[in-house]
Protein backbone atom coordinates (compact mmCIF):
# COMPACT_ATOMS: atom_id res chain seq x y z
CA UNK A 1 111.37 149.72 69.36
CA UNK A 2 113.73 150.03 66.40
CA UNK A 3 112.32 148.68 63.13
CA UNK A 4 114.03 148.37 59.76
CA UNK A 5 111.92 147.98 56.62
CA UNK A 6 113.84 146.75 53.58
CA UNK A 7 112.42 147.46 50.12
CA UNK A 8 114.15 147.06 46.74
CA UNK A 9 113.17 150.54 45.53
CA UNK A 10 114.31 153.88 46.92
CA UNK A 11 111.95 155.06 49.68
CA UNK A 12 111.01 158.22 47.76
CA UNK A 13 109.75 156.47 44.59
CA UNK A 14 106.07 155.89 43.83
CA UNK A 15 106.38 152.20 42.94
CA UNK A 16 104.27 149.60 44.74
CA UNK A 17 106.91 148.29 47.14
CA UNK A 18 107.91 151.77 48.26
CA UNK A 19 104.31 152.87 48.72
CA UNK A 20 103.65 149.86 50.93
CA UNK A 21 106.91 150.31 52.86
CA UNK A 22 106.12 153.98 53.51
CA UNK A 23 102.59 153.08 54.58
CA UNK A 24 103.91 150.56 57.11
CA UNK A 25 106.60 152.98 58.29
CA UNK A 26 103.98 155.66 58.98
CA UNK A 27 101.75 153.24 60.85
CA UNK A 28 104.60 151.92 62.98
CA UNK A 29 105.86 155.45 63.74
CA UNK A 30 102.40 156.43 64.96
CA UNK A 31 102.60 153.43 67.29
CA UNK A 32 105.90 154.70 68.71
CA UNK A 33 108.46 152.71 66.72
CA UNK A 34 111.75 154.16 65.50
CA UNK A 35 111.46 153.17 61.81
CA UNK A 36 114.13 153.29 59.13
CA UNK A 37 113.81 152.34 55.46
CA UNK A 38 116.64 150.68 53.52
CA UNK A 39 117.15 149.27 50.04
CA UNK A 40 119.17 146.25 51.13
CA UNK A 41 119.66 144.04 54.16
CA UNK A 42 123.06 144.46 55.79
CA UNK A 43 122.63 141.89 58.55
CA UNK A 44 121.74 144.40 61.26
């Protein structure tokens, strides 16, 4: 399943939102999801 996680900070920062987004991305990838991180919603 394709999953898009949108967070206001860049995915490589160490701020709270990015840490949480990366944590969820890792969990979902281990469950077999195709996860991408983005900084803004583009209506996809």
